[in-house]
């Protein structure tokens, strides 16, 4: 017997894209669950939950097996390894350091010989001579 095919990243990410399916995966972190127990907290039909479970199964994120007359769901944590590896390929992103960004902007403004206090948002800039070239009621023009 051949091993099951490895699910594609597309199938894994498509399965993870839905909040209901992510909730189901979180529920299965605790322990295996019967399909009816998985469906209980959701305000949808058992058939709708079964469709979500089928998508998770096809993506390889869970497995389902029948034990007696009850169908059980089990999390397959290793199935996410391909997705985890792909995401880790992007490396660790550092959070934005706003203090360093502010210092950078101050340096740039200093090179332009502009004081930060001299910069006004466009909405508050006075119009020269109180006049505007724009017709009344029109939006201000930006160059």
N, C-alpha and C. Protein backbone atom coordinates (compact mmCIF):
# COMPACT_ATOMS: atom_id res chain seq x y z
N UNK A 1 0.83 -1.17 0.00
CA UNK A 1 0.00 0.00 0.00
C UNK A 1 0.88 1.24 0.00
N UNK A 2 0.56 2.21 -0.86
CA UNK A 2 1.33 3.44 -0.96
C UNK A 2 0.96 4.40 0.16
N UNK A 3 1.94 5.18 0.63
CA UNK A 3 1.61 6.18 1.65
C UNK A 3 0.72 7.26 1.03
N UNK A 4 -0.09 7.92 1.84
CA UNK A 4 -0.95 8.97 1.29
C UNK A 4 -0.10 10.10 0.73
N UNK A 5 -0.57 10.77 -0.32
CA UNK A 5 0.21 11.86 -0.90
C UNK A 5 0.35 13.01 0.10
N UNK A 6 1.47 13.68 0.01
CA UNK A 6 1.70 14.84 0.87
C UNK A 6 0.81 15.97 0.40
N UNK A 7 0.04 16.55 1.30
CA UNK A 7 -0.84 17.65 0.89
C UNK A 7 -0.02 18.84 0.43
N UNK A 8 -0.57 19.59 -0.49
CA UNK A 8 0.13 20.76 -0.99
C UNK A 8 0.01 21.92 0.00
N UNK A 9 0.93 22.84 -0.12
CA UNK A 9 0.85 24.05 0.70
C UNK A 9 -0.45 24.79 0.43
N UNK A 10 -0.88 24.78 -0.83
CA UNK A 10 -2.14 25.46 -1.16
C UNK A 10 -3.30 24.87 -0.38
N UNK A 11 -3.36 23.54 -0.28
CA UNK A 11 -4.45 22.89 0.45
C UNK A 11 -4.37 23.21 1.94
N UNK A 12 -3.16 23.24 2.47
CA UNK A 12 -2.98 23.54 3.90
C UNK A 12 -3.40 24.98 4.20
N UNK A 13 -2.89 25.93 3.40
CA UNK A 13 -3.23 27.33 3.66
C UNK A 13 -4.70 27.61 3.38
N UNK A 14 -5.28 26.95 2.39
CA UNK A 14 -6.72 27.12 2.13
C UNK A 14 -7.52 26.62 3.32
N UNK A 15 -7.10 25.50 3.89
CA UNK A 15 -7.80 24.96 5.07
C UNK A 15 -7.66 25.91 6.26
N UNK A 16 -6.49 26.49 6.42
CA UNK A 16 -6.24 27.39 7.55
C UNK A 16 -6.88 28.77 7.37
N UNK A 17 -7.34 29.07 6.16
CA UNK A 17 -7.89 30.39 5.88
C UNK A 17 -9.25 30.63 6.53
N UNK A 18 -9.91 29.57 6.95
CA UNK A 18 -11.25 29.71 7.50
C UNK A 18 -11.21 29.69 9.03
N UNK A 19 -11.85 30.67 9.69
CA UNK A 19 -11.81 30.71 11.16
C UNK A 19 -12.47 29.51 11.83
N UNK A 20 -13.50 28.95 11.21
CA UNK A 20 -14.13 27.76 11.79
C UNK A 20 -13.15 26.60 11.82
N UNK A 21 -12.41 26.42 10.73
CA UNK A 21 -11.45 25.31 10.67
C UNK A 21 -10.29 25.54 11.64
N UNK A 22 -9.86 26.79 11.80
CA UNK A 22 -8.80 27.06 12.78
C UNK A 22 -9.30 26.76 14.19
N UNK A 23 -10.55 27.08 14.47
CA UNK A 23 -11.12 26.77 15.78
C UNK A 23 -11.16 25.27 16.00
N UNK A 24 -11.54 24.53 14.97
CA UNK A 24 -11.58 23.07 15.08
C UNK A 24 -10.18 22.53 15.40
N UNK A 25 -9.17 23.04 14.72
CA UNK A 25 -7.80 22.59 14.99
C UNK A 25 -7.41 22.89 16.43
N UNK A 26 -7.79 24.06 16.92
CA UNK A 26 -7.49 24.42 18.31
C UNK A 26 -8.18 23.46 19.27
N UNK A 27 -9.42 23.11 18.97
CA UNK A 27 -10.16 22.17 19.82
C UNK A 27 -9.46 20.81 19.86
N UNK A 28 -8.91 20.40 18.71
CA UNK A 28 -8.28 19.09 18.63
C UNK A 28 -6.88 19.06 19.25
N UNK A 29 -6.36 20.22 19.62
CA UNK A 29 -5.08 20.25 20.33
C UNK A 29 -5.19 19.52 21.66
N UNK A 30 -6.36 19.61 22.29
CA UNK A 30 -6.58 18.98 23.59
C UNK A 30 -6.56 17.46 23.50
N UNK A 31 -7.36 16.92 22.58
CA UNK A 31 -7.51 15.46 22.48
C UNK A 31 -8.33 15.14 21.24
N UNK A 32 -8.36 13.87 20.88
CA UNK A 32 -9.23 13.41 19.80
C UNK A 32 -10.67 13.71 20.20
N UNK A 33 -11.51 13.98 19.20
CA UNK A 33 -12.91 14.29 19.48
C UNK A 33 -13.82 13.59 18.49
N UNK A 34 -14.99 13.21 18.95
CA UNK A 34 -16.02 12.68 18.07
C UNK A 34 -16.55 13.83 17.21
N UNK A 35 -16.95 13.51 15.99
CA UNK A 35 -17.46 14.53 15.07
C UNK A 35 -18.60 15.32 15.71
N UNK A 36 -19.50 14.63 16.40
CA UNK A 36 -20.63 15.33 17.03
C UNK A 36 -20.16 16.30 18.11
N UNK A 37 -19.09 15.95 18.81
CA UNK A 37 -18.54 16.86 19.83
C UNK A 37 -17.86 18.06 19.19
N UNK A 38 -17.21 17.84 18.05
CA UNK A 38 -16.59 18.94 17.32
C UNK A 38 -17.67 19.92 16.86
N UNK A 39 -18.79 19.39 16.40
CA UNK A 39 -19.87 20.22 15.84
C UNK A 39 -20.63 21.00 16.91
N UNK A 40 -20.63 20.51 18.13
CA UNK A 40 -21.48 21.07 19.19
C UNK A 40 -21.37 22.59 19.38
N UNK A 41 -20.18 23.19 19.46
CA UNK A 41 -20.13 24.63 19.74
C UNK A 41 -20.49 25.53 18.56
N UNK A 42 -20.64 24.97 17.38
CA UNK A 42 -20.89 25.79 16.20
C UNK A 42 -22.38 25.90 15.90
N UNK A 43 -22.77 27.07 15.46
CA UNK A 43 -24.17 27.28 15.08
C UNK A 43 -24.32 26.97 13.59
N UNK A 44 -24.11 25.72 13.25
CA UNK A 44 -24.27 25.26 11.87
C UNK A 44 -24.64 23.78 11.91
N UNK A 45 -25.09 23.29 10.79
CA UNK A 45 -25.53 21.90 10.73
C UNK A 45 -24.34 20.95 10.83
N UNK A 46 -24.64 19.72 11.18
CA UNK A 46 -23.61 18.68 11.23
C UNK A 46 -23.00 18.48 9.85
N UNK A 47 -23.83 18.61 8.80
CA UNK A 47 -23.32 18.48 7.43
C UNK A 47 -22.31 19.58 7.11
N UNK A 48 -22.58 20.80 7.56
CA UNK A 48 -21.64 21.91 7.31
C UNK A 48 -20.32 21.67 8.04
N UNK A 49 -20.39 21.20 9.28
CA UNK A 49 -19.17 20.90 10.03
C UNK A 49 -18.42 19.76 9.35
N UNK A 50 -19.15 18.78 8.85
CA UNK A 50 -18.52 17.65 8.15
C UNK A 50 -17.76 18.12 6.92
N UNK A 51 -18.27 19.15 6.23
CA UNK A 51 -17.55 19.70 5.07
C UNK A 51 -16.24 20.34 5.52
N UNK A 52 -16.29 21.06 6.63
CA UNK A 52 -15.05 21.65 7.17
C UNK A 52 -14.06 20.56 7.54
N UNK A 53 -14.55 19.50 8.16
CA UNK A 53 -13.68 18.39 8.54
C UNK A 53 -13.08 17.71 7.31
N UNK A 54 -13.85 17.61 6.23
CA UNK A 54 -13.34 17.00 5.00
C UNK A 54 -12.20 17.84 4.42
N UNK A 55 -12.34 19.16 4.47
CA UNK A 55 -11.28 20.04 3.97
C UNK A 55 -10.02 19.88 4.81
N UNK A 56 -10.19 19.83 6.12
CA UNK A 56 -9.03 19.63 7.01
C UNK A 56 -8.39 18.27 6.78
N UNK A 57 -9.21 17.25 6.53
CA UNK A 57 -8.69 15.90 6.26
C UNK A 57 -7.94 15.87 4.94
N UNK A 58 -8.52 16.47 3.90
CA UNK A 58 -7.86 16.49 2.58
C UNK A 58 -6.55 17.26 2.61
N UNK A 59 -6.46 18.24 3.50
CA UNK A 59 -5.21 18.99 3.65
C UNK A 59 -4.20 18.23 4.51
N UNK A 60 -4.64 17.13 5.12
CA UNK A 60 -3.75 16.33 5.96
C UNK A 60 -3.60 16.87 7.37
N UNK A 61 -4.37 17.89 7.73
CA UNK A 61 -4.24 18.50 9.04
C UNK A 61 -4.91 17.69 10.14
N UNK A 62 -5.91 16.89 9.77
CA UNK A 62 -6.54 15.98 10.73
C UNK A 62 -6.73 14.63 10.04
N UNK A 63 -6.97 13.63 10.83
CA UNK A 63 -7.37 12.32 10.30
C UNK A 63 -8.69 11.97 10.98
N UNK A 64 -9.46 11.13 10.30
CA UNK A 64 -10.73 10.68 10.86
C UNK A 64 -10.74 9.16 10.82
N UNK A 65 -11.23 8.56 11.88
CA UNK A 65 -11.35 7.10 11.91
C UNK A 65 -12.64 6.73 12.63
N UNK A 66 -13.18 5.62 12.22
CA UNK A 66 -14.41 5.14 12.85
C UNK A 66 -14.05 4.18 13.96
N UNK A 67 -14.56 4.44 15.14
CA UNK A 67 -14.39 3.56 16.30
C UNK A 67 -15.79 3.13 16.71
N UNK A 68 -16.13 1.93 16.36
CA UNK A 68 -17.50 1.47 16.59
C UNK A 68 -18.42 2.23 15.66
N UNK A 69 -19.42 2.89 16.22
CA UNK A 69 -20.35 3.65 15.40
C UNK A 69 -20.03 5.14 15.40
N UNK A 70 -18.95 5.52 16.03
CA UNK A 70 -18.60 6.94 16.18
C UNK A 70 -17.38 7.26 15.33
N UNK A 71 -17.46 8.39 14.61
CA UNK A 71 -16.33 8.86 13.81
C UNK A 71 -15.54 9.86 14.65
N UNK A 72 -14.24 9.61 14.78
CA UNK A 72 -13.37 10.43 15.60
C UNK A 72 -12.43 11.25 14.73
N UNK A 73 -12.08 12.44 15.23
CA UNK A 73 -11.13 13.33 14.55
C UNK A 73 -9.88 13.44 15.40
N UNK A 74 -8.74 13.43 14.73
CA UNK A 74 -7.45 13.52 15.42
C UNK A 74 -6.58 14.54 14.70
N UNK A 75 -5.96 15.41 15.45
CA UNK A 75 -5.04 16.39 14.89
C UNK A 75 -3.78 15.69 14.39
N UNK A 76 -3.31 16.09 13.22
CA UNK A 76 -2.06 15.57 12.66
C UNK A 76 -1.05 16.72 12.63
N UNK A 77 -0.38 16.97 13.76
CA UNK A 77 0.48 18.15 13.87
C UNK A 77 1.65 18.16 12.89
N UNK A 78 2.14 17.00 12.51
CA UNK A 78 3.28 16.97 11.57
C UNK A 78 2.88 17.45 10.18
N UNK A 79 1.60 17.44 9.89
CA UNK A 79 1.14 17.88 8.57
C UNK A 79 1.44 19.35 8.34
N UNK A 80 1.55 20.11 9.40
CA UNK A 80 1.83 21.53 9.24
C UNK A 80 3.31 21.82 9.06
N UNK A 81 4.14 20.80 9.10
CA UNK A 81 5.59 21.04 9.01
C UNK A 81 5.98 21.70 7.69
N UNK A 82 5.34 21.32 6.59
CA UNK A 82 5.67 21.95 5.30
C UNK A 82 5.32 23.43 5.32
N UNK A 83 4.16 23.75 5.88
CA UNK A 83 3.75 25.15 5.97
C UNK A 83 4.66 25.92 6.93
N UNK A 84 5.01 25.29 8.04
CA UNK A 84 5.89 25.92 9.02
C UNK A 84 7.26 26.20 8.41
N UNK A 85 7.79 25.23 7.68
CA UNK A 85 9.09 25.39 7.02
C UNK A 85 9.03 26.53 6.01
N UNK A 86 7.94 26.59 5.25
CA UNK A 86 7.78 27.64 4.24
C UNK A 86 7.75 29.01 4.91
N UNK A 87 6.98 29.14 5.98
CA UNK A 87 6.87 30.42 6.69
C UNK A 87 8.21 30.80 7.31
N UNK A 88 8.91 29.83 7.90
CA UNK A 88 10.19 30.13 8.53
C UNK A 88 11.24 30.55 7.51
N UNK A 89 11.03 30.21 6.25
CA UNK A 89 11.94 30.63 5.20
C UNK A 89 12.02 32.14 5.05
N UNK A 90 11.03 32.82 5.56
CA UNK A 90 11.03 34.27 5.49
C UNK A 90 11.84 34.90 6.62
N UNK A 91 12.27 34.09 7.56
CA UNK A 91 13.08 34.59 8.66
C UNK A 91 12.24 35.30 9.70
N UNK A 92 12.93 35.78 10.70
CA UNK A 92 12.26 36.50 11.78
C UNK A 92 12.24 37.98 11.43
N UNK A 93 11.08 38.57 11.53
CA UNK A 93 10.94 40.00 11.29
C UNK A 93 10.97 40.72 12.63
N UNK A 94 11.77 41.76 12.67
CA UNK A 94 11.86 42.55 13.89
C UNK A 94 10.69 43.52 13.93
N UNK A 95 10.14 43.75 15.12
CA UNK A 95 9.08 44.76 15.21
C UNK A 95 9.66 46.14 14.91
N UNK A 96 8.85 47.01 14.39
CA UNK A 96 9.28 48.35 14.02
C UNK A 96 9.65 49.13 15.28
N UNK A 97 10.84 49.71 15.27
CA UNK A 97 11.31 50.54 16.39
C UNK A 97 10.94 51.98 16.06
N UNK A 98 9.85 52.46 16.65
CA UNK A 98 9.35 53.80 16.33
C UNK A 98 10.31 54.89 16.77
N UNK A 99 11.05 54.69 17.86
CA UNK A 99 12.02 55.69 18.30
C UNK A 99 13.12 55.84 17.26
N UNK A 100 13.63 54.72 16.76
CA UNK A 100 14.67 54.77 15.74
C UNK A 100 14.12 55.38 14.45
N UNK A 101 12.88 55.08 14.12
CA UNK A 101 12.26 55.64 12.92
C UNK A 101 12.11 57.15 13.05
N UNK A 102 11.73 57.63 14.24
CA UNK A 102 11.60 59.06 14.47
C UNK A 102 12.96 59.75 14.33
N UNK A 103 14.01 59.13 14.89
CA UNK A 103 15.36 59.70 14.76
C UNK A 103 15.80 59.75 13.30
N UNK A 104 15.46 58.71 12.56
CA UNK A 104 15.78 58.68 11.13
C UNK A 104 15.09 59.84 10.42
N UNK A 105 13.81 60.04 10.70
CA UNK A 105 13.08 61.13 10.05
C UNK A 105 13.64 62.49 10.44
N UNK A 106 14.02 62.66 11.71
CA UNK A 106 14.62 63.92 12.15
C UNK A 106 15.93 64.18 11.41
N UNK A 107 16.73 63.14 11.21
CA UNK A 107 17.98 63.27 10.48
C UNK A 107 17.71 63.68 9.03
N UNK A 108 16.73 63.04 8.43
CA UNK A 108 16.39 63.38 7.04
C UNK A 108 15.90 64.82 6.94
N UNK A 109 15.06 65.24 7.88
CA UNK A 109 14.56 66.61 7.87
C UNK A 109 15.69 67.61 8.11
N UNK A 110 16.64 67.25 8.97
CA UNK A 110 17.78 68.13 9.24
C UNK A 110 18.61 68.32 7.97
N UNK A 111 18.75 67.27 7.19
CA UNK A 111 19.50 67.39 5.94
C UNK A 111 18.78 68.31 4.96
N UNK A 112 17.47 68.38 5.07
CA UNK A 112 16.69 69.27 4.21
C UNK A 112 16.54 70.65 4.84
N UNK A 113 17.11 70.83 6.04
CA UNK A 113 17.03 72.06 6.81
C UNK A 113 15.59 72.47 7.09
N UNK A 114 14.78 71.51 7.44
CA UNK A 114 13.38 71.76 7.80
C UNK A 114 13.21 71.31 9.24
N UNK A 115 12.62 72.16 10.03
CA UNK A 115 12.32 71.79 11.41
C UNK A 115 11.01 71.00 11.43
N UNK A 116 10.92 69.93 12.23
CA UNK A 116 9.69 69.15 12.29
C UNK A 116 8.46 69.99 12.60
N UNK A 117 8.64 71.06 13.42
CA UNK A 117 7.51 71.90 13.78
C UNK A 117 7.00 72.70 12.58
N UNK A 118 7.85 72.91 11.56
CA UNK A 118 7.46 73.69 10.39
C UNK A 118 6.55 72.92 9.45
N UNK A 119 6.48 71.62 9.62
CA UNK A 119 5.68 70.80 8.72
C UNK A 119 4.26 70.74 9.28
N UNK A 120 3.31 71.18 8.47
CA UNK A 120 1.91 71.12 8.87
C UNK A 120 1.20 70.11 7.98
N UNK A 121 0.25 69.38 8.52
CA UNK A 121 -0.54 68.52 7.65
C UNK A 121 -1.24 69.38 6.61
N UNK A 122 -1.43 68.84 5.41
CA UNK A 122 -2.01 69.61 4.32
C UNK A 122 -3.37 70.18 4.66
N UNK A 123 -4.16 69.49 5.48
CA UNK A 123 -5.50 69.96 5.80
C UNK A 123 -5.46 71.27 6.58
N UNK A 124 -4.36 71.53 7.32
CA UNK A 124 -4.30 72.72 8.17
C UNK A 124 -3.45 73.82 7.58
N UNK A 125 -2.86 73.61 6.41
CA UNK A 125 -2.04 74.65 5.81
C UNK A 125 -2.93 75.81 5.36
N UNK A 126 -2.52 77.05 5.69
CA UNK A 126 -3.32 78.19 5.24
C UNK A 126 -3.16 78.39 3.74
N UNK A 127 -4.21 78.88 3.10
CA UNK A 127 -4.17 79.17 1.67
C UNK A 127 -3.61 80.58 1.53
N UNK A 128 -2.70 80.78 0.57
CA UNK A 128 -2.09 82.10 0.38
C UNK A 128 -3.17 83.12 0.06
N UNK A 129 -3.09 84.29 0.69
CA UNK A 129 -4.02 85.40 0.48
C UNK A 129 -5.47 85.00 0.74
N UNK A 130 -5.70 83.88 1.40
CA UNK A 130 -7.06 83.46 1.68
C UNK A 130 -7.81 83.04 0.43
N UNK A 131 -7.14 82.92 -0.68
CA UNK A 131 -7.77 82.58 -1.95
C UNK A 131 -7.39 81.16 -2.35
N UNK A 132 -8.22 80.55 -3.15
CA UNK A 132 -7.95 79.23 -3.68
C UNK A 132 -8.29 79.23 -5.15
N UNK A 133 -7.49 78.53 -5.95
CA UNK A 133 -7.76 78.41 -7.38
C UNK A 133 -8.90 77.45 -7.66
N UNK A 134 -9.22 76.61 -6.68
CA UNK A 134 -10.23 75.57 -6.89
C UNK A 134 -11.62 76.19 -6.81
N UNK A 135 -12.56 75.66 -7.61
CA UNK A 135 -13.94 76.15 -7.51
C UNK A 135 -14.51 75.84 -6.13
N UNK A 136 -15.46 76.65 -5.67
CA UNK A 136 -16.04 76.41 -4.34
C UNK A 136 -16.64 75.01 -4.25
N UNK A 137 -16.40 74.35 -3.11
CA UNK A 137 -16.96 73.01 -2.87
C UNK A 137 -16.14 71.89 -3.46
N UNK A 138 -15.06 72.18 -4.18
CA UNK A 138 -14.25 71.10 -4.75
C UNK A 138 -13.15 70.72 -3.78
N UNK A 139 -12.60 69.55 -4.00
CA UNK A 139 -11.52 69.06 -3.15
C UNK A 139 -10.25 69.82 -3.46
N UNK A 140 -9.41 70.05 -2.47
CA UNK A 140 -8.14 70.73 -2.73
C UNK A 140 -7.25 69.91 -3.65
N UNK A 141 -6.53 70.61 -4.49
CA UNK A 141 -5.62 69.96 -5.43
C UNK A 141 -4.27 69.77 -4.76
N UNK A 142 -3.65 68.59 -4.97
CA UNK A 142 -2.32 68.31 -4.42
C UNK A 142 -1.35 68.17 -5.57
N UNK A 143 -0.20 68.83 -5.44
CA UNK A 143 0.81 68.74 -6.50
C UNK A 143 1.68 67.55 -6.30
